[in-house]
N, C-alpha and C. Protein backbone atom coordinates (compact mmCIF):
# COMPACT_ATOMS: atom_id res chain seq x y z
N UNK A 1 -15.58 1.15 -4.98
CA UNK A 1 -16.01 2.56 -5.18
C UNK A 1 -15.48 3.34 -3.90
N UNK A 2 -14.78 4.42 -4.20
CA UNK A 2 -14.36 5.32 -3.12
C UNK A 2 -15.10 6.68 -3.36
N UNK A 3 -15.68 7.29 -2.33
CA UNK A 3 -16.39 8.47 -2.37
C UNK A 3 -15.77 9.48 -1.47
N UNK A 4 -15.44 10.66 -1.83
CA UNK A 4 -14.95 11.66 -0.90
C UNK A 4 -16.12 12.41 -0.17
N UNK A 5 -16.02 12.32 1.17
CA UNK A 5 -17.10 12.89 1.90
C UNK A 5 -16.72 14.36 2.37
N UNK A 6 -15.42 14.56 2.72
CA UNK A 6 -15.05 15.96 3.02
C UNK A 6 -14.02 16.43 2.05
N UNK A 7 -13.60 17.72 2.12
CA UNK A 7 -12.73 18.25 1.10
C UNK A 7 -11.30 17.63 1.17
N UNK A 8 -10.81 17.23 2.23
CA UNK A 8 -9.51 16.58 2.37
C UNK A 8 -9.47 15.31 1.59
N UNK A 9 -10.59 14.49 1.63
CA UNK A 9 -10.70 13.25 1.02
C UNK A 9 -10.52 13.43 -0.57
N UNK A 10 -11.13 14.60 -1.05
CA UNK A 10 -11.12 14.99 -2.41
C UNK A 10 -9.68 14.95 -3.05
N UNK A 11 -8.76 15.58 -2.29
CA UNK A 11 -7.36 15.60 -2.74
C UNK A 11 -6.77 14.24 -2.79
N UNK A 12 -7.09 13.38 -1.72
CA UNK A 12 -6.54 12.06 -1.67
C UNK A 12 -7.15 11.25 -2.81
N UNK A 13 -8.38 11.31 -3.16
CA UNK A 13 -8.95 10.55 -4.31
C UNK A 13 -8.35 11.10 -5.68
N UNK A 14 -8.14 12.29 -5.79
CA UNK A 14 -7.48 12.86 -7.04
C UNK A 14 -6.04 12.32 -7.14
N UNK A 15 -5.33 12.30 -6.03
CA UNK A 15 -4.01 11.86 -5.97
C UNK A 15 -3.95 10.37 -6.31
N UNK A 16 -4.85 9.64 -5.65
CA UNK A 16 -4.82 8.15 -5.95
C UNK A 16 -5.12 7.79 -7.34
N UNK A 17 -6.13 8.59 -7.86
CA UNK A 17 -6.48 8.40 -9.38
C UNK A 17 -5.30 8.72 -10.24
N UNK A 18 -4.55 9.78 -10.02
CA UNK A 18 -3.32 10.09 -10.74
C UNK A 18 -2.32 8.95 -10.70
N UNK A 19 -2.11 8.42 -9.51
CA UNK A 19 -1.24 7.39 -9.30
C UNK A 19 -1.64 6.17 -10.10
N UNK A 20 -2.90 5.75 -9.93
CA UNK A 20 -3.39 4.54 -10.60
C UNK A 20 -3.27 4.67 -12.12
N UNK A 21 -3.63 5.86 -12.58
CA UNK A 21 -3.44 6.08 -14.09
C UNK A 21 -1.97 5.93 -14.49
N UNK A 22 -1.08 6.46 -13.75
CA UNK A 22 0.32 6.40 -13.95
C UNK A 22 0.82 4.93 -13.98
N UNK A 23 0.32 4.14 -13.04
CA UNK A 23 0.75 2.72 -12.83
C UNK A 23 -0.18 1.79 -13.65
N UNK A 24 -1.06 2.28 -14.54
CA UNK A 24 -2.00 1.49 -15.18
C UNK A 24 -1.51 0.26 -16.01
N UNK A 25 -0.24 0.34 -16.48
CA UNK A 25 0.21 -0.75 -17.27
C UNK A 25 0.76 -1.92 -16.50
N UNK A 26 0.73 -1.82 -15.09
CA UNK A 26 1.26 -2.89 -14.30
C UNK A 26 0.16 -3.86 -13.87
N UNK A 27 0.43 -5.07 -14.07
CA UNK A 27 -0.53 -6.09 -13.65
C UNK A 27 -0.49 -6.06 -12.10
N UNK A 28 -1.56 -6.61 -11.54
CA UNK A 28 -1.66 -6.63 -10.07
C UNK A 28 -1.82 -5.28 -9.38
N UNK A 29 -2.24 -4.28 -10.12
CA UNK A 29 -2.61 -3.00 -9.59
C UNK A 29 -4.12 -2.78 -10.09
N UNK A 30 -4.91 -2.24 -9.09
CA UNK A 30 -6.33 -2.08 -9.29
C UNK A 30 -6.47 -1.08 -10.53
N UNK A 31 -7.41 -1.32 -11.34
CA UNK A 31 -7.68 -0.55 -12.48
C UNK A 31 -8.88 0.46 -12.31
N UNK A 32 -8.74 1.64 -12.85
CA UNK A 32 -9.77 2.67 -12.69
C UNK A 32 -10.90 2.32 -13.79
N UNK A 33 -12.05 2.25 -13.36
CA UNK A 33 -13.16 2.15 -14.28
C UNK A 33 -13.82 3.53 -14.63
N UNK A 34 -13.91 4.38 -13.60
CA UNK A 34 -14.35 5.71 -13.82
C UNK A 34 -14.04 6.68 -12.65
N UNK A 35 -13.84 7.94 -12.94
CA UNK A 35 -13.54 8.92 -11.94
C UNK A 35 -14.47 10.11 -12.28
N UNK A 36 -15.08 10.61 -11.22
CA UNK A 36 -16.03 11.82 -11.50
C UNK A 36 -16.44 12.57 -10.31
N UNK A 37 -17.52 13.33 -10.51
CA UNK A 37 -18.02 14.18 -9.50
C UNK A 37 -19.51 14.05 -9.47
N UNK A 38 -20.11 13.84 -8.26
CA UNK A 38 -21.57 13.68 -8.14
C UNK A 38 -21.97 14.52 -6.92
N UNK A 39 -22.82 15.56 -7.13
CA UNK A 39 -23.33 16.34 -6.04
C UNK A 39 -22.18 16.83 -5.19
N UNK A 40 -21.11 17.43 -5.79
CA UNK A 40 -20.00 17.98 -5.07
C UNK A 40 -19.22 16.90 -4.35
N UNK A 41 -19.34 15.66 -4.70
CA UNK A 41 -18.54 14.53 -4.02
C UNK A 41 -17.77 13.96 -5.15
N UNK A 42 -16.42 13.84 -5.07
CA UNK A 42 -15.62 13.12 -5.98
C UNK A 42 -15.70 11.65 -5.72
N UNK A 43 -15.47 10.90 -6.71
CA UNK A 43 -15.57 9.42 -6.56
C UNK A 43 -14.68 8.74 -7.56
N UNK A 44 -14.27 7.56 -7.26
CA UNK A 44 -13.51 6.72 -8.23
C UNK A 44 -14.02 5.36 -8.07
N UNK A 45 -14.23 4.72 -9.30
CA UNK A 45 -14.78 3.38 -9.36
C UNK A 45 -13.57 2.52 -9.95
N UNK A 46 -13.24 1.45 -9.22
CA UNK A 46 -12.19 0.55 -9.61
C UNK A 46 -12.73 -0.88 -9.84
N UNK A 47 -11.93 -1.73 -10.35
CA UNK A 47 -12.29 -3.14 -10.58
C UNK A 47 -12.71 -3.71 -9.22
N UNK A 48 -13.54 -4.75 -9.27
CA UNK A 48 -13.95 -5.47 -8.16
C UNK A 48 -12.95 -6.62 -7.82
N UNK A 49 -12.52 -6.67 -6.60
CA UNK A 49 -11.55 -7.79 -6.22
C UNK A 49 -12.21 -8.54 -5.07
N UNK A 50 -11.46 -9.56 -4.62
CA UNK A 50 -11.82 -10.40 -3.48
C UNK A 50 -11.44 -9.79 -2.16
N UNK A 51 -11.36 -10.72 -1.20
CA UNK A 51 -11.00 -10.29 0.29
C UNK A 51 -9.55 -9.87 0.30
N UNK A 52 -9.27 -9.16 1.30
CA UNK A 52 -7.86 -8.74 1.55
C UNK A 52 -6.94 -9.89 2.07
N UNK A 53 -5.73 -9.66 1.93
CA UNK A 53 -4.73 -10.73 2.32
C UNK A 53 -4.83 -11.02 3.83
N UNK A 54 -5.05 -10.03 4.62
CA UNK A 54 -5.17 -10.33 6.10
C UNK A 54 -6.34 -11.26 6.39
N UNK A 55 -7.53 -10.99 5.81
CA UNK A 55 -8.62 -11.96 6.05
C UNK A 55 -8.35 -13.31 5.38
N UNK A 56 -7.80 -13.24 4.21
CA UNK A 56 -7.45 -14.50 3.49
C UNK A 56 -6.67 -15.41 4.22
N UNK A 57 -5.55 -14.92 4.78
CA UNK A 57 -4.62 -15.71 5.60
C UNK A 57 -5.27 -16.29 6.84
N UNK A 58 -6.15 -15.47 7.50
CA UNK A 58 -6.69 -15.94 8.69
C UNK A 58 -7.94 -16.87 8.51
N UNK A 59 -8.46 -16.94 7.29
CA UNK A 59 -9.61 -17.78 7.03
C UNK A 59 -9.41 -18.92 6.14
N UNK A 60 -8.27 -18.95 5.29
CA UNK A 60 -8.06 -20.06 4.41
C UNK A 60 -6.86 -20.90 4.93
N UNK A 61 -6.84 -22.10 4.58
CA UNK A 61 -5.69 -22.98 4.93
C UNK A 61 -4.80 -22.89 3.67
N UNK A 62 -3.63 -22.28 3.84
CA UNK A 62 -2.70 -22.05 2.69
C UNK A 62 -1.52 -23.03 2.91
N UNK A 63 -1.09 -23.68 1.89
CA UNK A 63 0.12 -24.53 2.09
C UNK A 63 1.36 -23.64 2.09
N UNK A 64 2.49 -24.21 2.43
CA UNK A 64 3.68 -23.41 2.44
C UNK A 64 4.04 -22.91 1.02
N UNK A 65 3.86 -23.70 0.06
CA UNK A 65 4.14 -23.28 -1.33
C UNK A 65 3.21 -22.15 -1.76
N UNK A 66 1.97 -22.17 -1.40
CA UNK A 66 1.05 -21.04 -1.70
C UNK A 66 1.50 -19.77 -1.04
N UNK A 67 1.95 -19.85 0.17
CA UNK A 67 2.55 -18.66 0.92
C UNK A 67 3.67 -18.19 0.21
N UNK A 68 4.57 -18.94 -0.13
CA UNK A 68 5.77 -18.63 -0.80
C UNK A 68 5.56 -17.92 -2.15
N UNK A 69 4.56 -18.46 -2.83
CA UNK A 69 4.16 -17.90 -4.16
C UNK A 69 3.45 -16.51 -4.00
N UNK A 70 2.70 -16.38 -2.88
CA UNK A 70 2.15 -15.11 -2.55
C UNK A 70 3.18 -14.08 -2.40
N UNK A 71 4.19 -14.43 -1.62
CA UNK A 71 5.35 -13.52 -1.27
C UNK A 71 6.08 -13.13 -2.57
N UNK A 72 6.29 -14.03 -3.50
CA UNK A 72 6.95 -13.66 -4.79
C UNK A 72 6.06 -12.77 -5.54
N UNK A 73 4.83 -12.93 -5.57
CA UNK A 73 3.93 -12.12 -6.36
C UNK A 73 3.91 -10.69 -5.76
N UNK A 74 3.87 -10.73 -4.44
CA UNK A 74 3.80 -9.40 -3.77
C UNK A 74 5.09 -8.59 -4.10
N UNK A 75 6.23 -9.26 -3.85
CA UNK A 75 7.54 -8.61 -4.20
C UNK A 75 7.60 -8.16 -5.69
N UNK A 76 7.09 -8.91 -6.59
CA UNK A 76 7.09 -8.55 -8.03
C UNK A 76 6.32 -7.34 -8.23
N UNK A 77 5.10 -7.15 -7.73
CA UNK A 77 4.26 -5.95 -7.98
C UNK A 77 4.87 -4.76 -7.23
N UNK A 78 5.45 -4.92 -6.08
CA UNK A 78 6.06 -3.74 -5.45
C UNK A 78 7.31 -3.35 -6.25
N UNK A 79 8.08 -4.29 -6.68
CA UNK A 79 9.30 -3.97 -7.54
C UNK A 79 8.81 -3.22 -8.78
N UNK A 80 7.78 -3.56 -9.46
CA UNK A 80 7.24 -2.85 -10.60
C UNK A 80 6.81 -1.39 -10.23
N UNK A 81 6.21 -1.20 -9.05
CA UNK A 81 5.76 0.03 -8.62
C UNK A 81 7.01 0.90 -8.34
N UNK A 82 8.02 0.37 -7.72
CA UNK A 82 9.30 1.11 -7.52
C UNK A 82 9.94 1.47 -8.77
N UNK A 83 9.97 0.49 -9.71
CA UNK A 83 10.69 0.78 -10.98
C UNK A 83 10.04 1.98 -11.73
N UNK A 84 8.71 2.34 -11.38
CA UNK A 84 8.03 3.46 -12.02
C UNK A 84 8.40 4.70 -11.18
N UNK A 85 9.20 4.62 -10.15
CA UNK A 85 9.58 5.75 -9.32
C UNK A 85 8.55 6.06 -8.20
N UNK A 86 7.75 5.15 -7.80
CA UNK A 86 6.75 5.36 -6.82
C UNK A 86 6.98 4.50 -5.56
N UNK A 87 6.72 5.09 -4.39
CA UNK A 87 6.65 4.30 -3.16
C UNK A 87 5.25 4.37 -2.64
N UNK A 88 4.75 3.19 -2.26
CA UNK A 88 3.34 3.04 -1.87
C UNK A 88 3.06 3.74 -0.51
N UNK A 89 3.95 3.60 0.35
CA UNK A 89 3.96 4.21 1.83
C UNK A 89 2.99 3.57 2.73
N UNK A 90 2.24 2.59 2.42
CA UNK A 90 1.25 1.88 3.32
C UNK A 90 1.13 0.49 3.02
N UNK A 91 2.28 -0.28 2.93
CA UNK A 91 2.18 -1.64 2.58
C UNK A 91 1.81 -2.45 3.84
N UNK A 92 0.71 -3.16 3.72
CA UNK A 92 0.19 -3.94 4.85
C UNK A 92 -0.76 -5.06 4.16
N UNK A 93 -0.99 -6.14 4.86
CA UNK A 93 -1.90 -7.20 4.28
C UNK A 93 -3.23 -6.61 3.80
N UNK A 94 -3.78 -5.65 4.49
CA UNK A 94 -5.11 -5.19 4.16
C UNK A 94 -5.09 -4.45 2.75
N UNK A 95 -3.93 -4.03 2.31
CA UNK A 95 -3.81 -3.21 1.04
C UNK A 95 -3.44 -4.25 -0.13
N UNK A 96 -3.42 -5.54 0.12
CA UNK A 96 -3.26 -6.54 -0.93
C UNK A 96 -4.56 -7.34 -0.92
N UNK A 97 -5.27 -7.28 -2.13
CA UNK A 97 -6.45 -8.02 -2.25
C UNK A 97 -6.27 -9.30 -3.16
N UNK A 98 -7.08 -10.29 -2.86
CA UNK A 98 -7.08 -11.45 -3.79
C UNK A 98 -7.99 -11.13 -5.00
N UNK A 99 -7.62 -11.63 -6.15
CA UNK A 99 -8.55 -11.46 -7.30
C UNK A 99 -9.73 -12.29 -6.99
N UNK A 100 -10.79 -12.05 -7.73
CA UNK A 100 -12.03 -12.73 -7.59
C UNK A 100 -11.91 -14.29 -7.63
N UNK A 101 -11.00 -14.74 -8.51
CA UNK A 101 -10.74 -16.17 -8.69
C UNK A 101 -9.69 -16.70 -7.71
N UNK A 102 -9.16 -15.71 -6.90
CA UNK A 102 -8.11 -16.03 -5.85
C UNK A 102 -6.91 -16.56 -6.44
N UNK A 103 -6.55 -16.23 -7.68
CA UNK A 103 -5.30 -16.64 -8.24
C UNK A 103 -4.21 -15.59 -8.34
N UNK A 104 -4.62 -14.35 -8.04
CA UNK A 104 -3.61 -13.23 -8.10
C UNK A 104 -3.81 -12.40 -6.89
N UNK A 105 -2.77 -11.59 -6.63
CA UNK A 105 -2.81 -10.54 -5.57
C UNK A 105 -2.86 -9.17 -6.22
N UNK A 106 -3.70 -8.23 -5.73
CA UNK A 106 -3.82 -6.93 -6.36
C UNK A 106 -3.41 -5.97 -5.24
N UNK A 107 -2.61 -5.00 -5.58
CA UNK A 107 -2.18 -3.97 -4.69
C UNK A 107 -3.11 -2.80 -4.77
N UNK A 108 -3.67 -2.27 -3.68
CA UNK A 108 -4.59 -1.16 -3.79
C UNK A 108 -4.21 -0.06 -2.83
N UNK A 109 -4.97 1.05 -2.77
CA UNK A 109 -4.83 2.20 -1.92
C UNK A 109 -3.58 2.95 -2.07
N UNK A 110 -3.58 3.73 -3.13
CA UNK A 110 -2.39 4.53 -3.47
C UNK A 110 -2.59 5.95 -3.02
N UNK A 111 -3.41 6.21 -2.08
CA UNK A 111 -3.71 7.61 -1.57
C UNK A 111 -2.52 8.26 -0.91
N UNK A 112 -1.59 7.45 -0.39
CA UNK A 112 -0.44 8.01 0.34
C UNK A 112 0.85 7.84 -0.56
N UNK A 113 0.71 7.26 -1.75
CA UNK A 113 1.86 7.04 -2.57
C UNK A 113 2.62 8.34 -2.99
N UNK A 114 3.89 8.23 -3.13
CA UNK A 114 4.68 9.37 -3.56
C UNK A 114 5.81 8.99 -4.53
N UNK A 115 6.28 9.92 -5.25
CA UNK A 115 7.48 9.65 -6.10
C UNK A 115 8.70 9.78 -5.24
N UNK A 116 9.74 9.03 -5.50
CA UNK A 116 10.94 9.00 -4.74
C UNK A 116 12.05 9.63 -5.57
N UNK A 117 11.76 9.88 -6.90
CA UNK A 117 12.73 10.48 -7.82
C UNK A 117 12.37 11.92 -8.06
N UNK A 118 13.47 12.72 -8.25
CA UNK A 118 13.16 14.16 -8.65
C UNK A 118 12.95 14.22 -10.12
N UNK A 119 12.74 15.48 -10.73
CA UNK A 119 12.46 15.56 -12.10
C UNK A 119 13.61 15.13 -13.03
N UNK A 120 14.76 15.11 -12.54
CA UNK A 120 15.96 14.68 -13.35
C UNK A 120 16.20 13.15 -13.25
N UNK A 121 15.36 12.48 -12.34
CA UNK A 121 15.57 11.01 -12.17
C UNK A 121 16.38 10.55 -11.15
N UNK A 122 16.85 11.53 -10.32
CA UNK A 122 17.76 11.23 -9.20
C UNK A 122 16.86 11.04 -7.87
N UNK A 123 17.38 10.21 -7.02
CA UNK A 123 16.70 9.90 -5.87
C UNK A 123 16.57 11.18 -4.96
N UNK A 124 15.44 11.48 -4.41
CA UNK A 124 15.21 12.63 -3.63
C UNK A 124 16.04 12.43 -2.32
N UNK A 125 16.56 13.58 -1.73
CA UNK A 125 17.30 13.42 -0.42
C UNK A 125 16.38 13.05 0.72
N UNK A 126 16.89 12.29 1.65
CA UNK A 126 16.16 11.88 2.85
C UNK A 126 15.69 13.22 3.58
N UNK A 127 14.52 13.12 4.16
CA UNK A 127 14.08 14.27 4.98
C UNK A 127 13.17 13.72 6.11
N UNK A 128 13.04 14.53 7.13
CA UNK A 128 12.32 14.25 8.32
C UNK A 128 10.83 14.67 8.04
N UNK A 129 9.84 14.00 8.57
CA UNK A 129 8.49 14.31 8.54
C UNK A 129 7.95 14.78 9.90
N UNK A 130 6.66 15.16 9.95
CA UNK A 130 6.19 15.57 11.21
C UNK A 130 5.29 14.47 11.84
N UNK A 131 5.01 13.49 11.06
CA UNK A 131 4.09 12.40 11.58
C UNK A 131 4.47 11.08 10.85
N UNK A 132 4.15 9.96 11.52
CA UNK A 132 4.28 8.72 10.97
C UNK A 132 3.28 8.52 9.83
N UNK A 133 3.70 7.96 8.68
CA UNK A 133 2.94 7.70 7.54
C UNK A 133 2.72 6.25 7.41
N UNK A 134 1.51 5.83 7.09
CA UNK A 134 1.20 4.34 6.90
C UNK A 134 0.70 3.78 8.14
N UNK A 135 0.73 2.43 8.24
CA UNK A 135 0.22 1.62 9.38
C UNK A 135 1.37 1.36 10.38
N UNK A 136 1.03 1.69 11.59
CA UNK A 136 1.97 1.53 12.65
C UNK A 136 2.53 0.07 12.77
N UNK A 137 1.69 -0.87 12.60
CA UNK A 137 2.03 -2.32 12.72
C UNK A 137 3.15 -2.71 11.74
N UNK A 138 3.09 -2.13 10.50
CA UNK A 138 3.98 -2.55 9.45
C UNK A 138 4.99 -1.52 9.09
N UNK A 139 5.12 -0.43 9.97
CA UNK A 139 6.11 0.60 9.61
C UNK A 139 7.53 0.24 9.94
N UNK A 140 8.43 0.74 9.13
CA UNK A 140 9.82 0.46 9.21
C UNK A 140 10.36 1.32 10.38
N UNK A 141 11.55 0.99 10.91
CA UNK A 141 12.14 1.71 11.93
C UNK A 141 12.31 3.25 11.63
N UNK A 142 12.70 3.53 10.26
CA UNK A 142 12.83 4.91 9.84
C UNK A 142 11.49 5.57 9.94
N UNK A 143 10.42 4.93 9.64
CA UNK A 143 9.09 5.57 9.76
C UNK A 143 8.79 5.95 11.19
N UNK A 144 9.21 5.08 12.15
CA UNK A 144 9.02 5.35 13.59
C UNK A 144 9.86 6.53 13.98
N UNK A 145 11.01 6.79 13.26
CA UNK A 145 11.87 7.85 13.52
C UNK A 145 11.46 9.13 12.75
N UNK A 146 10.29 9.05 12.13
CA UNK A 146 9.64 10.12 11.40
C UNK A 146 10.46 10.59 10.22
N UNK A 147 11.13 9.59 9.62
CA UNK A 147 11.88 9.81 8.33
C UNK A 147 10.98 9.49 7.13
N UNK A 148 11.17 10.24 6.08
CA UNK A 148 10.42 9.91 4.87
C UNK A 148 10.62 8.54 4.42
N UNK A 149 9.52 7.93 3.92
CA UNK A 149 9.58 6.46 3.52
C UNK A 149 10.13 6.40 2.06
N UNK A 150 11.06 5.41 1.85
CA UNK A 150 11.59 5.20 0.62
C UNK A 150 11.66 3.65 0.35
N UNK A 151 12.19 3.24 -0.77
CA UNK A 151 12.15 1.83 -1.12
C UNK A 151 12.62 0.94 -0.06
N UNK A 152 13.77 1.21 0.61
CA UNK A 152 14.33 0.37 1.62
C UNK A 152 13.31 0.22 2.79
N UNK A 153 12.56 1.23 3.07
CA UNK A 153 11.59 1.11 4.17
C UNK A 153 10.49 0.17 3.78
N UNK A 154 10.15 0.27 2.49
CA UNK A 154 9.02 -0.66 1.98
C UNK A 154 9.48 -2.07 1.99
N UNK A 155 10.68 -2.29 1.75
CA UNK A 155 11.20 -3.67 1.85
C UNK A 155 11.10 -4.19 3.27
N UNK A 156 11.40 -3.37 4.20
CA UNK A 156 11.25 -3.77 5.64
C UNK A 156 9.79 -3.99 5.94
N UNK A 157 8.86 -3.12 5.46
CA UNK A 157 7.39 -3.44 5.65
C UNK A 157 6.99 -4.71 4.99
N UNK A 158 7.61 -5.04 3.88
CA UNK A 158 7.26 -6.34 3.14
C UNK A 158 7.68 -7.48 4.07
N UNK A 159 8.87 -7.38 4.75
CA UNK A 159 9.29 -8.44 5.63
C UNK A 159 8.32 -8.67 6.69
N UNK A 160 7.73 -7.58 7.22
CA UNK A 160 6.74 -7.70 8.29
C UNK A 160 5.47 -8.29 7.71
N UNK A 161 5.05 -8.00 6.47
CA UNK A 161 3.93 -8.58 5.84
C UNK A 161 4.15 -10.07 5.61
N UNK A 162 5.34 -10.43 5.16
CA UNK A 162 5.75 -11.88 4.98
C UNK A 162 5.62 -12.58 6.37
N UNK A 163 6.12 -11.95 7.39
CA UNK A 163 6.06 -12.63 8.74
C UNK A 163 4.61 -12.90 9.06
N UNK A 164 3.72 -11.94 8.79
CA UNK A 164 2.32 -12.13 9.07
C UNK A 164 1.75 -13.28 8.21
N UNK A 165 2.17 -13.38 6.89
CA UNK A 165 1.69 -14.44 6.04
C UNK A 165 2.02 -15.82 6.60
N UNK A 166 3.24 -15.99 7.12
CA UNK A 166 3.73 -17.28 7.57
C UNK A 166 3.26 -17.55 9.10
N UNK A 167 2.99 -16.52 9.83
CA UNK A 167 2.69 -16.73 11.25
C UNK A 167 1.30 -16.31 11.73
N UNK A 168 0.53 -15.67 10.78
CA UNK A 168 -0.81 -15.08 11.02
C UNK A 168 -0.82 -14.06 12.04
N UNK A 169 0.32 -13.45 12.42
CA UNK A 169 0.33 -12.38 13.34
C UNK A 169 1.75 -11.80 13.23
N UNK A 170 1.95 -10.61 13.87
CA UNK A 170 3.35 -10.14 14.02
C UNK A 170 3.52 -10.03 15.55
N UNK A 171 4.83 -10.19 16.04
CA UNK A 171 5.09 -10.30 17.42
C UNK A 171 4.63 -9.12 18.24
N UNK A 172 4.55 -7.96 17.69
CA UNK A 172 4.20 -6.72 18.44
C UNK A 172 2.74 -6.29 18.21
N UNK A 173 1.98 -7.24 17.74
CA UNK A 173 0.56 -7.04 17.46
C UNK A 173 -0.27 -6.50 18.55
N UNK A 174 -0.07 -6.87 19.74
CA UNK A 174 -0.91 -6.47 20.89
C UNK A 174 -0.28 -5.41 21.78
N UNK A 175 0.81 -4.89 21.29
CA UNK A 175 1.46 -3.81 22.14
C UNK A 175 0.88 -2.42 21.86
N UNK A 176 0.48 -1.81 22.89
CA UNK A 176 -0.07 -0.45 22.71
C UNK A 176 1.04 0.57 22.82
N UNK A 177 1.15 1.45 21.89
CA UNK A 177 2.13 2.52 21.99
C UNK A 177 1.64 3.86 21.64
N UNK A 178 2.40 4.83 21.92
CA UNK A 178 2.00 6.18 21.66
C UNK A 178 2.75 6.67 20.44
N UNK A 179 2.02 7.35 19.60
CA UNK A 179 2.57 7.99 18.47
C UNK A 179 2.84 9.40 18.81
N UNK A 180 4.11 9.84 18.71
CA UNK A 180 4.43 11.21 18.98
C UNK A 180 4.74 11.90 17.68
N UNK A 181 4.33 13.18 17.64
CA UNK A 181 4.50 14.02 16.44
C UNK A 181 5.60 15.03 16.83
N UNK A 182 6.46 15.27 15.74
CA UNK A 182 7.42 16.36 15.86
C UNK A 182 6.76 17.64 15.51
N UNK A 183 7.15 18.64 16.25
CA UNK A 183 6.55 19.95 15.85
C UNK A 183 7.61 20.88 15.40
């Protein structure tokens, strides 16, 4: 269940709901149970899932073949999202949940997702943004340069997620850095 507390969250929940409806035919994407308004607060109810991949990797003993299979499943779901013309823009272990039976991986949190194709089906031109989008730890070099995130950047983020899956950390995990915004 996601509930919007302030007005900015309402737009994010509406956007995420639209994205989830558009992606509803894809396996391994969280399904909407209900979307509505209660006492001026928007909310969305989605299927119940298990723990996120970050916690799963740190608490379970996974074999090499299990980790490889996770990576294949993650790549497959991201490929299906990309084939629908969408980039998630926040790929990280915390946004991949295990199913309740721990047999599948579910991609969640489409609040920052965007289309990368224009109305004619052509790739949108690259542009500069004013702030880093997504999670600093799994952001691609282009994201750090404040460039819009596209499929190639998500593949780089996936490599970082894979590194985490196999090593239970990323090399830059404890580095403190400053995020600068362009004005």
